[in-house]
Amino acid sequence: MTTRLYTVATAPFEAARHLALLPAGHRARRLHGHSFLARIRAQLPAGWAPFAGAETDTLLAQLSECLAPLDYALLNDHLPVPTDENLARWLRLQLAAPGIEQVGIQSTRDRGAELDRQDHVHLWRRFRFEAAHRLPNVPPGHPCGRMHGHGFEVILHTDRHLAGPDSDGERLEALWTPLHAELHHVCLNDLPGLENPTSEHLATWIWRRLKPELPALSWVTVDETVSAGCHFDGEHYRIWKEQRFESALRLRRTPQDDPRQRLHGHSYLVRLHLSAPLDQVMGWTVDYGDVKALFKPVYERLDHHRLDELEGLADAGLTEVLHWVSEQMQPRLAPLDRIDLYQTPGCGMVLCWGDGRPALPV
């Protein structure tokens, strides 16, 4: 099995801009500002960082250095049309790190652009609605069989190369508005086609409603909770489930004068991704609760422990911890094909195998 290891770094910057390409009267033509986030994902060659275990921090330092001229600046002074898409292209040109796979710019929590190494751009927008549901086919006693509710979040991803000039946020918002009216403050089970409203069925329902009107739609993400969600690209389903654990460690391969040589710790976030066919009876690929239960024995070995004292983890860098979790989980959870591990918000590593679709790290 071929695995791929990516290093991810995310850094903020504050900047102003105006977008003169937009129609007259559009609010973003006026001078305004954002708290931006820039994210890069790179497949770094062995030995690139000063020492093993320093990859994420080194990539973050380079990203922050490249962003420094943009911080508290007018973006139009650096590029003529500073859209999220063009900012991603500008940033990729500034970065010296090898193996860059993806550059993302997030201008608000609810919108952004992702640029891949083939210069392909996906734009995305996030929407939210509040609704009730129950899953009618689960076994007796399953908590999802009871009527309950969620603040659902939906992310719509569009292929910029197919979308053309009308692919801005207003187009997505106009298409989403009637769906929001149907989904918000209702019981999903009452809607035709959502009698069994799993995340997977909801993603499919949204896809079928939007795709004829938006050929550039590339996939739909439905986040049922803050720790679990589903992606659908019209053919394939992927789900994810995440948890946080609090652990201590020492990076033993650091230079003696490096503070990471000392005992320290992180609030880690681990996200498990699974690809599987849809169960036609249950309406899901894998039960989120089953994923959590199968991960629990591994989680308990990680949480509130010292990682470099675990068997098989003499060195507890992100690469080693990722491979350790993968070795523990693959026999337990066959559909697993990707693990994300972040030691600080937005900064960490991704280990994946299989085709990886859909794979945008939004």
Protein backbone atom coordinates (compact mmCIF):
# COMPACT_ATOMS: atom_id res chain seq x y z
CA MET A 1 0.00 0.00 0.00
CA THR A 2 1.40 3.38 -1.03
CA THR A 3 1.02 6.11 1.57
CA ARG A 4 1.44 9.84 1.16
CA LEU A 5 2.55 12.16 3.93
CA TYR A 6 1.76 15.88 3.81
CA THR A 7 2.80 18.70 6.09
CA VAL A 8 0.18 21.40 6.72
CA ALA A 9 0.71 24.92 8.03
CA THR A 10 -1.82 27.70 8.58
CA ALA A 11 -1.12 31.33 9.44
CA PRO A 12 -3.33 34.43 9.84
CA PHE A 13 -2.90 37.93 8.47
CA GLU A 14 -4.96 41.12 8.65
CA ALA A 15 -5.36 43.12 5.46
CA ALA A 16 -7.56 45.51 3.51
CA ARG A 17 -8.60 45.31 -0.13
CA HIS A 18 -11.10 46.48 -2.71
CA LEU A 19 -12.23 44.42 -5.70
CA ALA A 20 -12.86 46.71 -8.65
CA LEU A 21 -13.79 43.81 -10.96
CA LEU A 22 -17.12 43.40 -9.18
CA PRO A 23 -20.29 45.08 -10.46
CA ALA A 24 -20.99 48.69 -9.54
CA GLY A 25 -22.66 48.92 -6.14
CA HIS A 26 -21.20 45.65 -4.88
CA ARG A 27 -20.06 46.16 -1.28
CA ALA A 28 -16.68 44.51 -1.87
CA ARG A 29 -15.78 47.25 -4.38
CA ARG A 30 -15.42 49.52 -1.35
CA LEU A 31 -12.29 49.44 0.77
CA HIS A 32 -12.77 46.78 3.45
CA GLY A 33 -10.76 44.32 5.48
CA HIS A 34 -10.61 40.70 6.59
CA SER A 35 -8.90 38.47 9.08
CA PHE A 36 -7.45 36.10 6.50
CA LEU A 37 -6.10 32.59 6.97
CA ALA A 38 -3.51 31.16 4.59
CA ARG A 39 -2.96 27.41 4.48
CA ILE A 40 -0.40 25.32 2.62
CA ARG A 41 -0.07 21.57 2.25
CA ALA A 42 3.23 20.16 1.02
CA GLN A 43 4.79 16.76 0.41
CA LEU A 44 8.21 17.60 1.76
CA PRO A 45 11.29 15.54 0.89
CA ALA A 46 13.10 13.74 3.68
CA GLY A 47 15.74 15.92 5.33
CA TRP A 48 14.16 19.24 4.30
CA ALA A 49 13.64 20.45 7.87
CA PRO A 50 16.58 21.07 10.24
CA PHE A 51 15.75 17.81 12.03
CA ALA A 52 13.07 15.14 11.96
CA GLY A 53 10.01 16.43 13.80
CA ALA A 54 10.55 20.08 12.85
CA GLU A 55 8.71 19.93 9.50
CA THR A 56 5.49 21.62 10.59
CA ASP A 57 7.18 24.42 12.56
CA THR A 58 9.66 25.06 9.73
CA LEU A 59 6.92 25.23 7.11
CA LEU A 60 4.90 27.56 9.34
CA ALA A 61 7.90 29.86 9.76
CA GLN A 62 8.35 30.07 6.00
CA LEU A 63 4.65 30.72 5.45
CA SER A 64 4.61 33.48 8.08
CA GLU A 65 7.65 35.11 6.50
CA CYS A 66 5.97 35.16 3.08
CA LEU A 67 2.80 36.66 4.56
CA ALA A 68 4.61 39.42 6.47
CA PRO A 69 4.38 41.99 3.62
CA LEU A 70 0.59 41.47 3.46
CA ASP A 71 -0.09 41.81 7.17
CA TYR A 72 -1.80 45.13 7.98
CA ALA A 73 -1.36 46.20 4.37
CA LEU A 74 -3.51 47.17 1.40
CA LEU A 75 -3.51 44.05 -0.77
CA ASN A 76 -4.07 46.08 -3.95
CA ASP A 77 -0.53 47.44 -3.49
CA HIS A 78 0.80 43.90 -3.98
CA LEU A 79 -1.47 42.52 -6.71
CA PRO A 80 -3.98 44.27 -8.95
CA VAL A 81 -7.03 42.10 -8.21
CA PRO A 82 -6.61 40.59 -4.72
CA THR A 83 -9.36 37.96 -4.77
CA ASP A 84 -8.93 34.87 -2.61
CA GLU A 85 -7.98 32.95 -5.75
CA ASN A 86 -5.35 35.46 -6.84
CA LEU A 87 -3.94 35.69 -3.31
CA ALA A 88 -3.43 31.92 -3.34
CA ARG A 89 -1.51 32.21 -6.63
CA TRP A 90 0.58 35.10 -5.30
CA LEU A 91 1.45 33.16 -2.17
CA ARG A 92 2.47 30.05 -4.08
CA LEU A 93 4.95 32.12 -6.09
CA GLN A 94 6.53 33.45 -2.90
CA LEU A 95 6.97 30.10 -1.18
CA ALA A 96 10.31 28.35 -1.51
CA ALA A 97 9.25 25.07 0.10
CA PRO A 98 9.36 22.07 -2.26
CA GLY A 99 6.46 19.75 -2.97
CA ILE A 100 3.63 22.21 -2.44
CA GLU A 101 0.37 20.43 -3.23
CA GLN A 102 -2.20 23.01 -2.22
CA VAL A 103 -2.47 26.66 -1.20
CA GLY A 104 -5.65 27.96 0.38
CA ILE A 105 -6.88 31.42 1.27
CA GLN A 106 -9.81 31.84 3.64
CA SER A 107 -11.06 35.41 3.77
CA THR A 108 -13.86 34.72 6.25
CA ARG A 109 -14.96 31.65 8.17
CA ASP A 110 -17.53 31.02 5.46
CA ARG A 111 -15.62 31.43 2.20
CA GLY A 112 -12.30 30.79 0.55
CA ALA A 113 -10.35 29.34 -2.38
CA GLU A 114 -8.05 26.33 -2.73
CA LEU A 115 -5.36 26.18 -5.44
CA ASP A 116 -3.72 22.85 -6.33
CA ARG A 117 -0.39 22.16 -8.02
CA GLN A 118 -2.09 21.92 -11.45
CA ASP A 119 -3.25 25.54 -10.99
CA HIS A 120 -6.79 24.30 -10.49
CA VAL A 121 -8.94 26.37 -8.16
CA HIS A 122 -11.93 25.35 -6.07
CA LEU A 123 -14.03 28.06 -4.44
CA TRP A 124 -16.11 27.22 -1.40
CA ARG A 125 -18.87 28.74 0.68
CA ARG A 126 -20.23 27.63 4.04
CA PHE A 127 -23.91 27.84 5.02
CA ARG A 128 -25.80 26.86 8.18
CA PHE A 129 -29.29 25.75 9.08
CA GLU A 130 -30.99 24.45 12.23
CA ALA A 131 -33.16 21.33 11.94
CA ALA A 132 -34.47 18.25 13.70
CA HIS A 133 -34.21 14.65 12.52
CA ARG A 134 -34.20 11.03 13.56
CA LEU A 135 -32.80 7.97 11.81
CA PRO A 136 -35.63 5.43 11.45
CA ASN A 137 -33.56 2.36 10.55
CA VAL A 138 -31.09 2.27 13.43
CA PRO A 139 -31.28 -0.55 16.02
CA PRO A 140 -33.45 -0.07 19.12
CA GLY A 141 -31.69 2.03 21.73
CA HIS A 142 -29.44 3.86 19.24
CA PRO A 143 -29.39 7.55 20.24
CA CYS A 144 -29.97 8.69 16.65
CA GLY A 145 -33.26 6.82 16.63
CA ARG A 146 -34.65 9.44 19.01
CA MET A 147 -35.86 12.74 17.63
CA HIS A 148 -33.08 15.28 18.12
CA GLY A 149 -31.55 18.26 16.32
CA HIS A 150 -28.38 19.79 14.95
CA GLY A 151 -26.96 23.05 13.73
CA PHE A 152 -25.98 21.65 10.33
CA GLU A 153 -23.25 23.28 8.29
CA VAL A 154 -23.05 22.80 4.53
CA ILE A 155 -20.01 23.65 2.42
CA LEU A 156 -20.49 23.96 -1.33
CA HIS A 157 -17.35 23.53 -3.43
CA THR A 158 -17.21 24.73 -7.03
CA ASP A 159 -14.66 24.12 -9.77
CA ARG A 160 -13.52 27.60 -10.79
CA HIS A 161 -12.43 26.36 -14.24
CA LEU A 162 -15.97 25.23 -15.00
CA ALA A 163 -17.82 27.96 -13.22
CA GLY A 164 -16.97 30.93 -15.40
CA PRO A 165 -17.38 34.57 -14.36
CA ASP A 166 -20.64 34.01 -12.42
CA SER A 167 -19.05 31.76 -9.81
CA ASP A 168 -18.76 34.33 -7.03
CA GLY A 169 -20.34 34.00 -3.63
CA GLU A 170 -23.53 35.75 -4.67
CA ARG A 171 -24.26 33.03 -7.23
CA LEU A 172 -23.82 30.32 -4.61
CA GLU A 173 -25.85 32.26 -2.08
CA ALA A 174 -28.69 32.78 -4.54
CA LEU A 175 -28.83 29.05 -5.26
CA TRP A 176 -28.63 28.13 -1.60
CA THR A 177 -31.37 30.53 -0.40
CA PRO A 178 -34.38 28.42 -1.49
CA LEU A 179 -32.79 25.28 -0.03
CA HIS A 180 -32.21 27.08 3.25
CA ALA A 181 -35.88 28.02 3.32
CA GLU A 182 -36.80 24.32 2.99
CA LEU A 183 -34.26 23.00 5.51
CA HIS A 184 -34.20 25.64 8.24
CA HIS A 185 -36.36 25.13 11.35
CA VAL A 186 -38.01 21.93 10.07
CA CYS A 187 -37.93 18.21 10.77
CA LEU A 188 -35.88 16.77 7.92
CA ASN A 189 -37.80 13.48 7.99
CA ASP A 190 -40.85 15.39 6.70
CA LEU A 191 -39.12 16.41 3.44
CA PRO A 192 -39.61 14.19 0.37
CA GLY A 193 -36.39 12.27 -0.24
CA LEU A 194 -35.16 12.74 3.33
CA GLU A 195 -37.26 10.16 5.14
CA ASN A 196 -33.94 8.70 6.39
CA PRO A 197 -31.93 11.92 6.82
CA THR A 198 -28.38 10.71 7.40
CA SER A 199 -25.53 13.07 6.54
CA GLU A 200 -24.92 11.04 3.39
CA HIS A 201 -28.55 11.24 2.25
CA LEU A 202 -28.65 14.96 3.03
CA ALA A 203 -25.48 15.56 0.99
CA THR A 204 -27.02 13.61 -1.90
CA TRP A 205 -30.29 15.54 -1.63
CA ILE A 206 -28.46 18.87 -1.79
CA TRP A 207 -26.28 17.66 -4.68
CA ARG A 208 -29.29 16.62 -6.74
CA ARG A 209 -31.02 19.93 -6.13
CA LEU A 210 -28.03 22.11 -7.00
CA LYS A 211 -26.04 20.25 -9.65
CA PRO A 212 -28.47 20.92 -12.55
CA GLU A 213 -28.35 24.65 -11.76
CA LEU A 214 -24.63 24.67 -10.96
CA PRO A 215 -22.62 22.36 -13.24
CA ALA A 216 -19.42 23.58 -11.57
CA LEU A 217 -20.48 22.05 -8.23
CA SER A 218 -17.64 19.66 -7.37
CA TRP A 219 -18.76 18.34 -4.00
CA VAL A 220 -21.02 18.95 -1.04
CA THR A 221 -19.90 18.74 2.56
CA VAL A 222 -22.41 18.26 5.38
CA ASP A 223 -21.08 18.75 8.90
CA GLU A 224 -23.68 17.24 11.23
CA THR A 225 -21.74 18.21 14.36
CA VAL A 226 -18.51 20.04 15.07
CA SER A 227 -16.72 16.68 15.17
CA ALA A 228 -18.25 14.68 12.30
CA GLY A 229 -19.26 15.20 8.70
CA CYS A 230 -19.67 13.78 5.21
CA HIS A 231 -18.45 14.67 1.71
CA PHE A 232 -20.18 13.69 -1.54
CA ASP A 233 -18.89 14.36 -5.07
CA GLY A 234 -21.83 12.91 -6.98
CA GLU A 235 -20.41 9.40 -6.84
CA HIS A 236 -18.17 8.83 -3.81
CA TYR A 237 -18.89 9.27 -0.11
CA ARG A 238 -16.30 10.10 2.53
CA ILE A 239 -16.96 10.70 6.20
CA TRP A 240 -14.77 12.09 8.92
CA LYS A 241 -14.78 11.92 12.69
CA GLU A 242 -12.44 13.85 14.96
CA GLN A 243 -11.38 13.95 18.59
CA ARG A 244 -8.94 15.93 20.69
CA PHE A 245 -6.40 14.53 23.10
CA GLU A 246 -4.04 16.20 25.56
CA SER A 247 -0.53 14.74 25.63
CA ALA A 248 3.04 15.45 26.66
CA LEU A 249 6.22 14.62 24.77
CA ARG A 250 9.88 15.30 24.18
CA LEU A 251 11.37 15.50 20.70
CA ARG A 252 14.57 13.59 21.33
CA ARG A 253 16.20 14.33 17.99
CA THR A 254 16.21 18.10 18.48
CA PRO A 255 19.44 20.00 19.12
CA GLN A 256 20.30 20.31 22.81
CA ASP A 257 19.56 24.06 22.91
CA ASP A 258 16.13 23.70 21.22
CA PRO A 259 13.19 24.14 23.64
CA ARG A 260 11.40 21.18 22.00
CA GLN A 261 14.07 18.99 23.60
CA ARG A 262 12.39 19.76 26.92
CA LEU A 263 9.26 18.00 28.10
CA HIS A 264 6.30 19.91 26.71
CA GLY A 265 2.79 19.18 25.41
CA HIS A 266 0.02 19.90 22.94
CA SER A 267 -3.74 19.81 22.62
CA TYR A 268 -3.82 17.53 19.58
CA LEU A 269 -6.67 17.13 17.13
CA VAL A 270 -6.93 13.85 15.22
CA ARG A 271 -9.37 13.44 12.32
CA LEU A 272 -10.14 10.02 10.84
CA HIS A 273 -11.40 9.88 7.22
CA LEU A 274 -13.21 6.87 5.77
CA SER A 275 -14.37 5.93 2.28
CA ALA A 276 -17.03 3.26 1.88
CA PRO A 277 -20.09 2.43 -0.22
CA LEU A 278 -23.45 3.57 1.07
CA ASP A 279 -25.34 1.03 3.17
CA GLN A 280 -28.69 0.98 1.40
CA VAL A 281 -30.64 0.11 4.56
CA MET A 282 -28.92 2.32 7.13
CA GLY A 283 -28.33 5.17 4.70
CA TRP A 284 -24.78 5.78 5.89
CA THR A 285 -21.29 4.57 4.99
CA VAL A 286 -20.14 3.97 8.58
CA ASP A 287 -21.88 4.99 11.81
CA TYR A 288 -20.05 7.95 13.37
CA GLY A 289 -20.66 6.33 16.76
CA ASP A 290 -18.97 3.13 15.62
CA VAL A 291 -15.92 5.11 14.47
CA LYS A 292 -15.68 6.76 17.90
CA ALA A 293 -16.10 3.43 19.71
CA LEU A 294 -13.44 1.70 17.60
CA PHE A 295 -11.03 4.57 18.16
CA LYS A 296 -11.64 4.67 21.93
CA PRO A 297 -8.95 2.12 22.94
CA VAL A 298 -6.35 4.02 20.91
CA TYR A 299 -7.59 7.37 22.19
CA GLU A 300 -7.25 6.23 25.78
CA ARG A 301 -3.61 5.33 25.20
CA LEU A 302 -2.96 8.83 23.83
CA ASP A 303 -5.04 11.14 25.99
CA HIS A 304 -3.36 12.50 29.13
CA HIS A 305 -0.25 10.43 28.54
CA ARG A 306 3.35 11.04 27.57
CA LEU A 307 3.60 10.03 23.92
CA ASP A 308 7.31 9.28 23.80
CA GLU A 309 6.84 6.65 26.53
CA LEU A 310 4.23 4.65 24.60
CA GLU A 311 5.38 1.33 23.20
CA GLY A 312 6.52 1.91 19.60
CA LEU A 313 6.81 5.68 20.05
CA ALA A 314 10.31 6.33 21.36
CA ASP A 315 10.23 9.45 19.19
CA ALA A 316 6.88 11.23 19.24
CA GLY A 317 7.14 13.56 16.26
CA LEU A 318 3.97 13.98 14.20
CA THR A 319 5.17 11.54 11.54
CA GLU A 320 5.76 8.80 14.09
CA VAL A 321 2.47 9.42 15.91
CA LEU A 322 0.53 9.36 12.63
CA HIS A 323 2.05 6.05 11.58
CA TRP A 324 1.46 4.66 15.08
CA VAL A 325 -2.23 5.62 14.98
CA SER A 326 -2.53 4.18 11.47
CA GLU A 327 -1.02 0.86 12.59
CA GLN A 328 -3.42 0.71 15.53
CA MET A 329 -6.54 1.67 13.57
CA GLN A 330 -6.29 -0.04 10.19
CA PRO A 331 -7.01 -3.54 11.59
CA ARG A 332 -9.97 -2.09 13.51
CA LEU A 333 -11.44 0.13 10.77
CA ALA A 334 -10.98 -1.15 7.22
CA PRO A 335 -12.55 1.85 5.39
CA LEU A 336 -10.02 4.23 6.99
CA ASP A 337 -7.86 5.88 4.31
CA ARG A 338 -6.64 9.16 5.79
CA ILE A 339 -5.62 10.54 9.17
CA ASP A 340 -5.03 14.20 9.98
CA LEU A 341 -3.07 15.13 13.10
CA TYR A 342 -2.73 18.75 14.23
CA GLN A 343 -0.52 19.77 17.13
CA THR A 344 -1.67 23.42 17.01
CA PRO A 345 -4.70 24.86 15.15
CA GLY A 346 -4.23 24.31 11.41
CA CYS A 347 -0.66 23.05 11.74
CA GLY A 348 0.15 19.38 11.53
CA MET A 349 0.44 16.44 9.15
CA VAL A 350 -1.80 14.30 6.96
CA LEU A 351 -1.21 10.62 6.20
CA CYS A 352 -3.36 9.15 3.45
CA TRP A 353 -3.65 6.17 1.14
CA GLY A 354 -6.18 5.24 -1.53
CA ASP A 355 -7.46 7.77 -4.06
CA GLY A 356 -8.20 10.42 -1.45
CA ARG A 357 -11.41 11.82 -2.95
CA PRO A 358 -12.77 14.31 -1.96
CA ALA A 359 -9.66 15.62 -0.27
CA LEU A 360 -9.89 19.38 0.17
CA PRO A 361 -8.72 20.11 3.75
CA VAL A 362 -11.45 22.60 4.49
